[in-house]
N, C-alpha and C. Protein backbone atom coordinates (compact mmCIF):
# COMPACT_ATOMS: atom_id res chain seq x y z
N UNK A 1 -30.28 28.76 32.76
CA UNK A 1 -29.95 27.35 32.75
C UNK A 1 -29.93 26.83 34.20
N UNK A 2 -29.99 25.47 34.36
CA UNK A 2 -30.00 24.87 35.68
C UNK A 2 -28.59 24.78 36.23
N UNK A 3 -28.40 25.32 37.42
CA UNK A 3 -27.11 25.29 38.10
C UNK A 3 -27.15 24.19 39.14
N UNK A 4 -26.45 23.07 38.91
CA UNK A 4 -26.53 21.94 39.81
C UNK A 4 -25.90 22.24 41.16
N UNK A 5 -24.88 23.12 41.19
CA UNK A 5 -24.21 23.42 42.46
C UNK A 5 -25.11 24.21 43.39
N UNK A 6 -25.86 25.14 42.82
CA UNK A 6 -26.67 26.01 43.67
C UNK A 6 -28.13 25.59 43.67
N UNK A 7 -28.49 24.60 42.79
CA UNK A 7 -29.85 24.08 42.72
C UNK A 7 -30.87 25.19 42.49
N UNK A 8 -30.59 26.09 41.56
CA UNK A 8 -31.55 27.14 41.22
C UNK A 8 -31.27 27.59 39.80
N UNK A 9 -32.26 28.24 39.22
CA UNK A 9 -32.11 28.74 37.87
C UNK A 9 -31.37 30.06 37.90
N UNK A 10 -30.40 30.19 36.98
CA UNK A 10 -29.70 31.46 36.85
C UNK A 10 -30.39 32.31 35.80
N UNK A 11 -30.32 33.59 35.96
CA UNK A 11 -30.91 34.52 35.01
C UNK A 11 -30.12 34.49 33.71
N UNK A 12 -30.81 34.23 32.60
CA UNK A 12 -30.15 34.24 31.30
C UNK A 12 -29.78 35.67 30.92
N UNK A 13 -28.66 35.81 30.22
CA UNK A 13 -28.26 37.12 29.73
C UNK A 13 -29.21 37.55 28.63
N UNK A 14 -29.62 38.81 28.59
CA UNK A 14 -30.51 39.27 27.53
C UNK A 14 -29.84 39.15 26.17
N UNK A 15 -30.67 38.76 25.18
CA UNK A 15 -30.18 38.62 23.83
C UNK A 15 -30.44 39.91 23.06
N UNK A 16 -29.47 40.35 22.25
CA UNK A 16 -29.65 41.55 21.45
C UNK A 16 -28.96 42.74 22.09
N UNK A 17 -29.00 43.87 21.38
CA UNK A 17 -28.31 45.06 21.88
C UNK A 17 -28.98 45.62 23.12
N UNK A 18 -28.21 46.31 23.94
CA UNK A 18 -28.76 46.98 25.10
C UNK A 18 -29.57 48.18 24.63
N UNK A 19 -30.46 48.71 25.50
CA UNK A 19 -31.21 49.91 25.11
C UNK A 19 -30.30 51.05 24.66
N UNK A 20 -29.19 51.26 25.39
CA UNK A 20 -28.27 52.33 25.01
C UNK A 20 -27.65 52.05 23.64
N UNK A 21 -27.31 50.79 23.39
CA UNK A 21 -26.75 50.42 22.09
C UNK A 21 -27.76 50.59 20.97
N UNK A 22 -29.01 50.26 21.25
CA UNK A 22 -30.08 50.42 20.25
C UNK A 22 -30.25 51.89 19.89
N UNK A 23 -30.29 52.76 20.90
CA UNK A 23 -30.45 54.19 20.65
C UNK A 23 -29.28 54.73 19.86
N UNK A 24 -28.07 54.33 20.24
CA UNK A 24 -26.87 54.81 19.54
C UNK A 24 -26.88 54.37 18.08
N UNK A 25 -27.22 53.11 17.82
CA UNK A 25 -27.26 52.60 16.46
C UNK A 25 -28.33 53.32 15.63
N UNK A 26 -29.48 53.57 16.26
CA UNK A 26 -30.56 54.26 15.56
C UNK A 26 -30.15 55.69 15.19
N UNK A 27 -29.48 56.38 16.09
CA UNK A 27 -29.05 57.75 15.81
C UNK A 27 -28.02 57.79 14.69
N UNK A 28 -27.12 56.81 14.67
CA UNK A 28 -26.15 56.73 13.58
C UNK A 28 -26.87 56.48 12.25
N UNK A 29 -27.82 55.56 12.27
CA UNK A 29 -28.58 55.24 11.06
C UNK A 29 -29.31 56.48 10.53
N UNK A 30 -30.00 57.19 11.41
CA UNK A 30 -30.74 58.37 10.98
C UNK A 30 -29.80 59.49 10.54
N UNK A 31 -28.65 59.58 11.16
CA UNK A 31 -27.67 60.58 10.74
C UNK A 31 -27.19 60.32 9.32
N UNK A 32 -26.90 59.05 9.02
CA UNK A 32 -26.46 58.69 7.67
C UNK A 32 -27.59 58.94 6.67
N UNK A 33 -28.83 58.58 7.04
CA UNK A 33 -29.97 58.78 6.16
C UNK A 33 -30.17 60.27 5.84
N UNK A 34 -30.13 61.11 6.87
CA UNK A 34 -30.33 62.54 6.66
C UNK A 34 -29.23 63.16 5.82
N UNK A 35 -27.99 62.82 6.10
CA UNK A 35 -26.87 63.37 5.32
C UNK A 35 -26.92 62.88 3.88
N UNK A 36 -27.28 61.60 3.70
CA UNK A 36 -27.40 61.06 2.36
C UNK A 36 -28.46 61.80 1.56
N UNK A 37 -29.60 62.11 2.20
CA UNK A 37 -30.67 62.84 1.53
C UNK A 37 -30.21 64.23 1.12
N UNK A 38 -29.48 64.89 1.99
CA UNK A 38 -28.99 66.23 1.68
C UNK A 38 -28.06 66.21 0.48
N UNK A 39 -27.10 65.30 0.45
CA UNK A 39 -26.17 65.21 -0.66
C UNK A 39 -26.88 64.83 -1.96
N UNK A 40 -27.86 63.92 -1.85
CA UNK A 40 -28.60 63.46 -3.02
C UNK A 40 -29.36 64.62 -3.67
N UNK A 41 -30.16 65.32 -2.87
CA UNK A 41 -31.00 66.39 -3.43
C UNK A 41 -30.18 67.58 -3.90
N UNK A 42 -29.15 67.92 -3.17
CA UNK A 42 -28.38 69.11 -3.48
C UNK A 42 -27.28 68.86 -4.51
N UNK A 43 -27.22 67.61 -5.01
CA UNK A 43 -26.24 67.34 -6.07
C UNK A 43 -26.64 67.97 -7.39
N UNK A 44 -27.95 68.32 -7.51
CA UNK A 44 -28.41 69.00 -8.72
C UNK A 44 -28.35 70.51 -8.50
N UNK A 45 -27.69 71.24 -9.39
CA UNK A 45 -27.57 72.70 -9.22
C UNK A 45 -28.94 73.38 -9.14
N UNK A 46 -29.08 74.24 -8.15
CA UNK A 46 -30.32 75.00 -7.99
C UNK A 46 -31.37 74.33 -7.14
N UNK A 47 -31.22 73.02 -6.89
CA UNK A 47 -32.21 72.31 -6.07
C UNK A 47 -31.97 72.57 -4.59
N UNK A 48 -33.05 72.65 -3.85
CA UNK A 48 -32.99 72.78 -2.39
C UNK A 48 -33.92 71.75 -1.78
N UNK A 49 -33.45 71.03 -0.80
CA UNK A 49 -34.27 70.02 -0.14
C UNK A 49 -35.40 70.64 0.67
N UNK A 50 -35.32 71.94 0.90
CA UNK A 50 -36.32 72.64 1.72
C UNK A 50 -37.64 72.78 1.00
N UNK A 51 -37.62 72.75 -0.35
CA UNK A 51 -38.82 73.01 -1.14
C UNK A 51 -38.96 71.96 -2.25
N UNK A 52 -40.20 71.62 -2.63
CA UNK A 52 -40.38 70.61 -3.68
C UNK A 52 -39.83 71.04 -5.04
N UNK A 53 -39.88 72.33 -5.33
CA UNK A 53 -39.45 72.80 -6.64
C UNK A 53 -38.72 74.12 -6.52
N UNK A 54 -37.64 74.23 -7.28
CA UNK A 54 -36.89 75.48 -7.27
C UNK A 54 -37.58 76.57 -8.09
N UNK A 55 -38.51 76.15 -8.96
CA UNK A 55 -39.16 77.11 -9.85
C UNK A 55 -40.51 77.60 -9.34
N UNK A 56 -41.02 76.98 -8.29
CA UNK A 56 -42.32 77.35 -7.75
C UNK A 56 -42.15 77.89 -6.33
N UNK A 57 -42.66 79.07 -6.08
CA UNK A 57 -42.54 79.67 -4.75
C UNK A 57 -43.40 78.91 -3.75
N UNK A 58 -42.92 78.73 -2.51
CA UNK A 58 -43.73 78.04 -1.49
C UNK A 58 -45.08 78.71 -1.28
N UNK A 59 -46.13 77.91 -1.12
CA UNK A 59 -47.47 78.44 -0.92
C UNK A 59 -47.62 79.08 0.45
N UNK A 60 -46.87 78.58 1.43
CA UNK A 60 -46.94 79.09 2.80
C UNK A 60 -45.55 79.48 3.27
N UNK A 61 -45.50 80.45 4.18
CA UNK A 61 -44.25 80.79 4.83
C UNK A 61 -43.87 79.72 5.84
N UNK A 62 -42.70 79.85 6.44
CA UNK A 62 -42.22 78.83 7.35
C UNK A 62 -43.08 78.71 8.60
N UNK A 63 -43.49 79.85 9.17
CA UNK A 63 -44.30 79.82 10.39
C UNK A 63 -45.66 79.17 10.16
N UNK A 64 -46.43 79.57 9.12
CA UNK A 64 -47.70 78.89 8.86
C UNK A 64 -47.52 77.40 8.54
N UNK A 65 -46.47 77.07 7.79
CA UNK A 65 -46.22 75.66 7.46
C UNK A 65 -45.94 74.86 8.72
N UNK A 66 -45.20 75.45 9.65
CA UNK A 66 -44.92 74.78 10.92
C UNK A 66 -46.21 74.54 11.69
N UNK A 67 -47.08 75.55 11.72
CA UNK A 67 -48.36 75.40 12.42
C UNK A 67 -49.23 74.32 11.82
N UNK A 68 -49.31 74.30 10.48
CA UNK A 68 -50.10 73.26 9.80
C UNK A 68 -49.52 71.89 10.09
N UNK A 69 -48.20 71.78 10.05
CA UNK A 69 -47.56 70.50 10.33
C UNK A 69 -47.86 69.99 11.72
N UNK A 70 -47.81 70.87 12.70
CA UNK A 70 -48.12 70.49 14.08
C UNK A 70 -49.57 70.03 14.19
N UNK A 71 -50.48 70.77 13.55
CA UNK A 71 -51.90 70.42 13.60
C UNK A 71 -52.16 69.05 13.00
N UNK A 72 -51.57 68.78 11.84
CA UNK A 72 -51.74 67.46 11.20
C UNK A 72 -51.15 66.37 12.09
N UNK A 73 -50.04 66.66 12.76
CA UNK A 73 -49.45 65.70 13.66
C UNK A 73 -50.37 65.34 14.81
N UNK A 74 -51.01 66.34 15.39
CA UNK A 74 -51.95 66.10 16.49
C UNK A 74 -53.13 65.24 16.03
N UNK A 75 -53.64 65.53 14.82
CA UNK A 75 -54.74 64.73 14.28
C UNK A 75 -54.29 63.28 14.06
N UNK A 76 -53.08 63.09 13.55
CA UNK A 76 -52.56 61.74 13.31
C UNK A 76 -52.39 60.97 14.62
N UNK A 77 -51.94 61.65 15.66
CA UNK A 77 -51.82 61.01 16.98
C UNK A 77 -53.19 60.59 17.50
N UNK A 78 -54.19 61.44 17.31
CA UNK A 78 -55.55 61.10 17.72
C UNK A 78 -56.06 59.87 17.00
N UNK A 79 -55.77 59.77 15.70
CA UNK A 79 -56.20 58.61 14.92
C UNK A 79 -55.52 57.34 15.42
N UNK A 80 -54.22 57.42 15.68
CA UNK A 80 -53.51 56.24 16.17
C UNK A 80 -54.02 55.81 17.54
N UNK A 81 -54.40 56.78 18.37
CA UNK A 81 -54.96 56.46 19.68
C UNK A 81 -56.30 55.75 19.56
N UNK A 82 -57.14 56.19 18.63
CA UNK A 82 -58.43 55.53 18.41
C UNK A 82 -58.22 54.09 17.92
N UNK A 83 -57.27 53.91 17.01
CA UNK A 83 -56.99 52.56 16.51
C UNK A 83 -56.48 51.65 17.63
N UNK A 84 -55.67 52.21 18.53
CA UNK A 84 -55.14 51.42 19.64
C UNK A 84 -56.24 51.03 20.62
N UNK A 85 -57.12 51.96 20.90
CA UNK A 85 -58.16 51.71 21.91
C UNK A 85 -59.28 50.81 21.41
N UNK A 86 -59.63 50.94 20.15
CA UNK A 86 -60.87 50.32 19.68
C UNK A 86 -60.69 49.22 18.63
N UNK A 87 -59.45 48.87 18.29
CA UNK A 87 -59.24 47.76 17.37
C UNK A 87 -58.23 46.79 17.96
N UNK A 88 -58.46 45.51 17.67
CA UNK A 88 -57.56 44.47 18.18
C UNK A 88 -56.17 44.60 17.56
N UNK A 89 -56.13 44.89 16.25
CA UNK A 89 -54.84 45.04 15.57
C UNK A 89 -54.08 46.25 16.12
N UNK A 90 -54.81 47.32 16.42
CA UNK A 90 -54.17 48.51 16.96
C UNK A 90 -53.55 48.25 18.33
N UNK A 91 -54.27 47.51 19.16
CA UNK A 91 -53.74 47.19 20.49
C UNK A 91 -52.55 46.25 20.39
N UNK A 92 -52.63 45.25 19.50
CA UNK A 92 -51.51 44.32 19.32
C UNK A 92 -50.28 45.06 18.79
N UNK A 93 -50.51 45.99 17.87
CA UNK A 93 -49.41 46.76 17.32
C UNK A 93 -48.72 47.57 18.41
N UNK A 94 -49.51 48.22 19.26
CA UNK A 94 -48.95 49.01 20.35
C UNK A 94 -48.13 48.15 21.30
N UNK A 95 -48.61 46.93 21.56
CA UNK A 95 -47.88 46.04 22.46
C UNK A 95 -46.53 45.62 21.86
N UNK A 96 -46.53 45.31 20.56
CA UNK A 96 -45.29 44.88 19.90
C UNK A 96 -44.29 46.03 19.85
N UNK A 97 -44.75 47.21 19.48
CA UNK A 97 -43.86 48.37 19.40
C UNK A 97 -43.34 48.75 20.79
N UNK A 98 -44.20 48.64 21.80
CA UNK A 98 -43.77 48.93 23.16
C UNK A 98 -42.69 47.96 23.60
N UNK A 99 -42.86 46.69 23.24
CA UNK A 99 -41.86 45.68 23.59
C UNK A 99 -40.50 46.00 22.96
N UNK A 100 -40.52 46.53 21.73
CA UNK A 100 -39.26 46.84 21.04
C UNK A 100 -38.54 48.03 21.68
N UNK A 101 -39.28 48.84 22.45
CA UNK A 101 -38.69 50.01 23.09
C UNK A 101 -38.44 49.80 24.58
N UNK A 102 -38.64 48.59 25.07
CA UNK A 102 -38.47 48.31 26.50
C UNK A 102 -37.07 48.65 26.96
N UNK A 103 -36.99 49.36 28.07
CA UNK A 103 -35.70 49.73 28.65
C UNK A 103 -35.17 51.07 28.20
N UNK A 104 -35.81 51.68 27.21
CA UNK A 104 -35.36 52.99 26.72
C UNK A 104 -35.99 54.09 27.57
N UNK A 105 -35.20 55.07 27.96
CA UNK A 105 -35.72 56.18 28.75
C UNK A 105 -36.56 57.12 27.89
N UNK A 106 -37.38 57.92 28.53
CA UNK A 106 -38.26 58.82 27.78
C UNK A 106 -37.48 59.92 27.09
N UNK A 107 -36.38 60.34 27.68
CA UNK A 107 -35.54 61.35 27.02
C UNK A 107 -34.96 60.78 25.73
N UNK A 108 -34.52 59.51 25.75
CA UNK A 108 -34.02 58.87 24.55
C UNK A 108 -35.13 58.70 23.52
N UNK A 109 -36.35 58.43 23.98
CA UNK A 109 -37.48 58.30 23.06
C UNK A 109 -37.73 59.61 22.33
N UNK A 110 -37.64 60.72 23.04
CA UNK A 110 -37.82 62.03 22.41
C UNK A 110 -36.69 62.32 21.42
N UNK A 111 -35.47 61.91 21.77
CA UNK A 111 -34.35 62.10 20.87
C UNK A 111 -34.54 61.29 19.59
N UNK A 112 -35.01 60.06 19.73
CA UNK A 112 -35.29 59.23 18.56
C UNK A 112 -36.41 59.82 17.72
N UNK A 113 -37.40 60.41 18.38
CA UNK A 113 -38.51 61.04 17.66
C UNK A 113 -38.01 62.19 16.79
N UNK A 114 -37.13 63.00 17.35
CA UNK A 114 -36.58 64.13 16.59
C UNK A 114 -35.72 63.64 15.44
N UNK A 115 -34.84 62.68 15.71
CA UNK A 115 -33.93 62.18 14.68
C UNK A 115 -34.68 61.48 13.56
N UNK A 116 -35.65 60.63 13.90
CA UNK A 116 -36.39 59.89 12.88
C UNK A 116 -37.27 60.83 12.06
N UNK A 117 -37.93 61.76 12.72
CA UNK A 117 -38.79 62.69 11.98
C UNK A 117 -38.00 63.54 11.01
N UNK A 118 -36.85 64.01 11.42
CA UNK A 118 -36.02 64.85 10.56
C UNK A 118 -35.42 64.04 9.41
N UNK A 119 -34.77 62.93 9.73
CA UNK A 119 -34.07 62.15 8.71
C UNK A 119 -35.02 61.52 7.70
N UNK A 120 -36.11 60.93 8.17
CA UNK A 120 -37.03 60.26 7.25
C UNK A 120 -37.71 61.24 6.32
N UNK A 121 -38.04 62.43 6.81
CA UNK A 121 -38.66 63.42 5.93
C UNK A 121 -37.67 63.98 4.92
N UNK A 122 -36.44 64.21 5.34
CA UNK A 122 -35.42 64.67 4.39
C UNK A 122 -35.24 63.64 3.28
N UNK A 123 -35.26 62.35 3.65
CA UNK A 123 -35.02 61.31 2.65
C UNK A 123 -36.26 61.05 1.79
N UNK A 124 -37.38 60.67 2.43
CA UNK A 124 -38.55 60.24 1.66
C UNK A 124 -39.26 61.39 0.96
N UNK A 125 -39.41 62.51 1.62
CA UNK A 125 -40.08 63.65 0.99
C UNK A 125 -39.08 64.56 0.28
N UNK A 126 -38.06 65.01 0.96
CA UNK A 126 -37.16 65.98 0.38
C UNK A 126 -36.33 65.47 -0.77
N UNK A 127 -35.91 64.20 -0.72
CA UNK A 127 -35.04 63.65 -1.78
C UNK A 127 -35.79 62.69 -2.70
N UNK A 128 -36.36 61.61 -2.14
CA UNK A 128 -36.96 60.57 -2.97
C UNK A 128 -38.18 61.07 -3.74
N UNK A 129 -39.05 61.80 -3.07
CA UNK A 129 -40.29 62.24 -3.73
C UNK A 129 -40.01 63.14 -4.93
N UNK A 130 -38.94 63.91 -4.86
CA UNK A 130 -38.62 64.79 -5.98
C UNK A 130 -38.19 64.01 -7.22
N UNK A 131 -37.81 62.73 -7.03
CA UNK A 131 -37.35 61.90 -8.14
C UNK A 131 -38.45 60.97 -8.64
N UNK A 132 -39.15 60.29 -7.71
CA UNK A 132 -40.12 59.27 -8.12
C UNK A 132 -41.56 59.73 -7.99
N UNK A 133 -41.81 60.86 -7.37
CA UNK A 133 -43.16 61.35 -7.22
C UNK A 133 -43.82 60.93 -5.92
N UNK A 134 -44.96 61.55 -5.63
CA UNK A 134 -45.68 61.34 -4.38
C UNK A 134 -46.10 59.89 -4.19
N UNK A 135 -46.66 59.27 -5.23
CA UNK A 135 -47.21 57.92 -5.10
C UNK A 135 -46.13 56.92 -4.69
N UNK A 136 -45.04 56.85 -5.45
CA UNK A 136 -44.04 55.83 -5.19
C UNK A 136 -43.23 56.13 -3.93
N UNK A 137 -43.06 57.40 -3.61
CA UNK A 137 -42.37 57.73 -2.36
C UNK A 137 -43.19 57.28 -1.16
N UNK A 138 -44.51 57.41 -1.27
CA UNK A 138 -45.39 57.00 -0.17
C UNK A 138 -45.42 55.48 -0.04
N UNK A 139 -45.44 54.79 -1.17
CA UNK A 139 -45.41 53.32 -1.14
C UNK A 139 -44.08 52.84 -0.54
N UNK A 140 -42.99 53.49 -0.93
CA UNK A 140 -41.68 53.12 -0.39
C UNK A 140 -41.62 53.36 1.12
N UNK A 141 -42.23 54.45 1.57
CA UNK A 141 -42.28 54.76 3.00
C UNK A 141 -43.02 53.67 3.76
N UNK A 142 -44.15 53.23 3.21
CA UNK A 142 -44.89 52.14 3.85
C UNK A 142 -44.13 50.83 3.82
N UNK A 143 -43.45 50.54 2.69
CA UNK A 143 -42.70 49.30 2.57
C UNK A 143 -41.57 49.23 3.58
N UNK A 144 -40.97 50.37 3.89
CA UNK A 144 -39.88 50.39 4.86
C UNK A 144 -40.38 50.21 6.29
N UNK A 145 -41.69 50.28 6.48
CA UNK A 145 -42.29 50.02 7.79
C UNK A 145 -42.99 48.66 7.82
N UNK A 146 -42.67 47.80 6.83
CA UNK A 146 -43.31 46.49 6.74
C UNK A 146 -42.44 45.42 7.39
N UNK A 147 -43.07 44.63 8.24
CA UNK A 147 -42.45 43.43 8.80
C UNK A 147 -43.48 42.31 8.71
N UNK A 148 -43.06 41.09 8.36
CA UNK A 148 -44.02 39.99 8.13
C UNK A 148 -44.58 39.41 9.43
N UNK A 149 -45.29 40.24 10.15
CA UNK A 149 -45.97 39.80 11.37
C UNK A 149 -47.39 40.35 11.36
N UNK A 150 -48.35 39.53 11.74
CA UNK A 150 -49.75 39.95 11.72
C UNK A 150 -49.96 41.18 12.58
N UNK A 151 -49.28 41.23 13.74
CA UNK A 151 -49.48 42.35 14.66
C UNK A 151 -49.01 43.68 14.07
N UNK A 152 -48.14 43.62 13.05
CA UNK A 152 -47.58 44.83 12.47
C UNK A 152 -48.22 45.22 11.14
N UNK A 153 -49.25 44.46 10.72
CA UNK A 153 -49.90 44.75 9.44
C UNK A 153 -50.48 46.16 9.42
N UNK A 154 -51.10 46.55 10.52
CA UNK A 154 -51.71 47.88 10.58
C UNK A 154 -50.66 48.98 10.48
N UNK A 155 -49.47 48.72 10.99
CA UNK A 155 -48.38 49.71 10.94
C UNK A 155 -48.03 50.04 9.49
N UNK A 156 -47.96 49.02 8.65
CA UNK A 156 -47.61 49.23 7.25
C UNK A 156 -48.69 50.04 6.54
N UNK A 157 -49.95 49.69 6.77
CA UNK A 157 -51.06 50.41 6.15
C UNK A 157 -51.09 51.86 6.62
N UNK A 158 -50.92 52.04 7.92
CA UNK A 158 -50.91 53.39 8.50
C UNK A 158 -49.75 54.20 7.92
N UNK A 159 -48.58 53.55 7.75
CA UNK A 159 -47.41 54.24 7.22
C UNK A 159 -47.63 54.70 5.78
N UNK A 160 -48.29 53.87 4.97
CA UNK A 160 -48.58 54.28 3.60
C UNK A 160 -49.50 55.50 3.61
N UNK A 161 -50.54 55.45 4.45
CA UNK A 161 -51.44 56.60 4.55
C UNK A 161 -50.74 57.85 5.01
N UNK A 162 -49.87 57.69 6.00
CA UNK A 162 -49.10 58.85 6.48
C UNK A 162 -48.13 59.33 5.42
N UNK A 163 -47.60 58.41 4.61
CA UNK A 163 -46.69 58.80 3.53
C UNK A 163 -47.38 59.74 2.56
N UNK A 164 -48.63 59.40 2.18
CA UNK A 164 -49.39 60.27 1.28
C UNK A 164 -49.70 61.61 1.95
N UNK A 165 -50.06 61.56 3.24
CA UNK A 165 -50.37 62.80 3.96
C UNK A 165 -49.14 63.70 4.06
N UNK A 166 -48.01 63.12 4.41
CA UNK A 166 -46.78 63.90 4.57
C UNK A 166 -46.28 64.44 3.23
N UNK A 167 -46.37 63.59 2.19
CA UNK A 167 -45.96 64.03 0.86
C UNK A 167 -46.86 65.12 0.32
N UNK A 168 -48.17 64.97 0.54
CA UNK A 168 -49.11 66.00 0.11
C UNK A 168 -48.88 67.30 0.86
N UNK A 169 -48.55 67.19 2.12
CA UNK A 169 -48.27 68.37 2.93
C UNK A 169 -47.03 69.11 2.40
N UNK A 170 -46.03 68.35 2.01
CA UNK A 170 -44.80 68.92 1.45
C UNK A 170 -45.10 69.69 0.16
N UNK A 171 -45.89 69.08 -0.71
CA UNK A 171 -46.19 69.72 -1.98
C UNK A 171 -47.14 70.90 -1.81
N UNK A 172 -48.10 70.77 -0.92
CA UNK A 172 -49.08 71.85 -0.74
C UNK A 172 -48.46 73.08 -0.11
N UNK A 173 -47.71 72.89 0.96
CA UNK A 173 -47.12 74.04 1.66
C UNK A 173 -45.86 74.56 0.95
N UNK A 174 -45.17 73.67 0.24
CA UNK A 174 -43.90 74.05 -0.37
C UNK A 174 -42.75 74.14 0.62
N UNK A 175 -42.95 73.56 1.81
CA UNK A 175 -41.94 73.63 2.87
C UNK A 175 -41.71 72.24 3.47
N UNK A 176 -40.46 71.78 3.49
CA UNK A 176 -40.14 70.51 4.14
C UNK A 176 -40.39 70.58 5.64
N UNK A 177 -40.43 71.79 6.18
CA UNK A 177 -40.66 71.97 7.61
C UNK A 177 -42.02 71.41 8.03
N UNK A 178 -43.01 71.47 7.14
CA UNK A 178 -44.36 71.01 7.50
C UNK A 178 -44.39 69.50 7.77
N UNK A 179 -43.95 68.64 6.84
CA UNK A 179 -43.96 67.20 7.16
C UNK A 179 -42.99 66.82 8.27
N UNK A 180 -41.88 67.56 8.40
CA UNK A 180 -40.98 67.28 9.52
C UNK A 180 -41.70 67.53 10.84
N UNK A 181 -42.43 68.65 10.93
CA UNK A 181 -43.16 68.97 12.16
C UNK A 181 -44.19 67.89 12.48
N UNK A 182 -44.93 67.45 11.45
CA UNK A 182 -45.93 66.40 11.65
C UNK A 182 -45.29 65.12 12.17
N UNK A 183 -44.23 64.71 11.52
CA UNK A 183 -43.55 63.45 11.88
C UNK A 183 -42.98 63.51 13.29
N UNK A 184 -42.35 64.64 13.64
CA UNK A 184 -41.76 64.77 14.97
C UNK A 184 -42.85 64.80 16.04
N UNK A 185 -43.96 65.46 15.76
CA UNK A 185 -45.07 65.50 16.72
C UNK A 185 -45.62 64.09 16.95
N UNK A 186 -45.85 63.35 15.86
CA UNK A 186 -46.38 61.99 15.99
C UNK A 186 -45.45 61.11 16.81
N UNK A 187 -44.17 61.09 16.43
CA UNK A 187 -43.22 60.25 17.16
C UNK A 187 -42.91 60.79 18.54
N UNK A 188 -42.92 62.13 18.66
CA UNK A 188 -42.61 62.73 19.96
C UNK A 188 -43.66 62.47 21.01
N UNK A 189 -44.89 62.22 20.57
CA UNK A 189 -45.97 61.87 21.51
C UNK A 189 -46.07 60.36 21.67
N UNK A 190 -46.01 59.64 20.55
CA UNK A 190 -46.25 58.20 20.59
C UNK A 190 -45.10 57.39 21.18
N UNK A 191 -43.85 57.76 20.89
CA UNK A 191 -42.73 56.96 21.40
C UNK A 191 -42.65 56.98 22.93
N UNK A 192 -42.73 58.15 23.59
CA UNK A 192 -42.74 58.11 25.06
C UNK A 192 -43.94 57.35 25.62
N UNK A 193 -45.08 57.42 24.94
CA UNK A 193 -46.24 56.67 25.40
C UNK A 193 -46.01 55.16 25.28
N UNK A 194 -45.34 54.75 24.22
CA UNK A 194 -45.01 53.33 24.06
C UNK A 194 -44.01 52.88 25.12
N UNK A 195 -43.05 53.75 25.44
CA UNK A 195 -42.10 53.44 26.51
C UNK A 195 -42.84 53.25 27.83
N UNK A 196 -43.78 54.15 28.10
CA UNK A 196 -44.57 54.03 29.33
C UNK A 196 -45.41 52.75 29.31
N UNK A 197 -45.93 52.40 28.15
CA UNK A 197 -46.72 51.17 28.02
C UNK A 197 -45.86 49.95 28.34
N UNK A 198 -44.61 49.96 27.84
CA UNK A 198 -43.69 48.86 28.12
C UNK A 198 -43.40 48.77 29.61
N UNK A 199 -43.20 49.92 30.26
CA UNK A 199 -42.94 49.94 31.70
C UNK A 199 -44.13 49.39 32.48
N UNK A 200 -45.34 49.74 32.08
CA UNK A 200 -46.54 49.29 32.78
C UNK A 200 -46.73 47.78 32.60
N UNK A 201 -46.47 47.29 31.39
CA UNK A 201 -46.61 45.85 31.14
C UNK A 201 -45.57 45.06 31.93
N UNK A 202 -44.36 45.60 32.02
CA UNK A 202 -43.32 44.94 32.79
C UNK A 202 -43.68 44.92 34.27
N UNK A 203 -44.24 46.02 34.76
CA UNK A 203 -44.65 46.10 36.17
C UNK A 203 -45.78 45.12 36.47
N UNK A 204 -46.75 45.03 35.52
CA UNK A 204 -47.86 44.10 35.72
C UNK A 204 -47.37 42.66 35.72
N UNK A 205 -46.40 42.34 34.85
CA UNK A 205 -45.87 40.99 34.80
C UNK A 205 -45.13 40.64 36.08
N UNK A 206 -44.40 41.63 36.63
CA UNK A 206 -43.68 41.41 37.87
C UNK A 206 -44.66 41.18 39.02
N UNK A 207 -45.71 41.97 39.08
CA UNK A 207 -46.71 41.84 40.15
C UNK A 207 -47.41 40.49 40.08
N UNK A 208 -47.66 39.99 38.87
CA UNK A 208 -48.38 38.73 38.73
C UNK A 208 -47.55 37.52 39.14
N UNK A 209 -46.22 37.68 39.17
CA UNK A 209 -45.36 36.56 39.57
C UNK A 209 -45.05 36.57 41.06
N UNK A 210 -45.43 37.61 41.75
CA UNK A 210 -45.14 37.69 43.19
C UNK A 210 -46.21 37.02 44.01
C-alpha cells in the first residue's frame, strides 16, 4: 500500500501459509491418510495392506518388487519430462506446480515425496482398491488431483494414467512396496526439480526488475 509519510510503497505481507506451515500441514494430512488406510484395511480379519489378497501368494518377492517399482518410477519421470519439454500444457503445469512449492527447501521436498508416496499408496492402492477395484480406485486417484484450471488439466489425466499403472503394479507383483517405490521415485525426483524451477523463475524475475 502507499505510505504517505515515507512516499514509497511498502511490501505487502504474503497471503497464505508460510512454506514451513505448508510442509507441516501436508505431513499431518499424509500421516492421517496413511493411518486411516491401515486401520481401514486391517479392520477385516486376515487382511494385510501389504498384499492385494490374503488368499493369493505374491507373484514377486519384496526385493524384485522394489526393483520393478523403481524402474517404473524412472520411466514415469522420463515421460513427465518429455511432456514438460515438448508440450505447452506440460510446461504450464510445471510452472504452476513450481509456484505452489516456492520457498520450500529441497530437503522438505524430499520429505514430502516420501510422505505422499507412502500415504497415497497405502490409501488408494492398499485400502481403496481392495474395496472398489482397480478402475474406480484409479479414477478416484485422478479426481483427487483435479483442479479447475486449464494449466492443471494434464495433471489430472496423468494422475489417472498413473493410478492404473500403480494399481496394476500392486496387483501384478502382489506387493504394496512396488507402487510405493514408483510413487516415491516420481515425487522424489520431480518435487526437488520443481523447487529448483521456482527458484530459477524467482531469480529471473528479480534480474529483470533490476
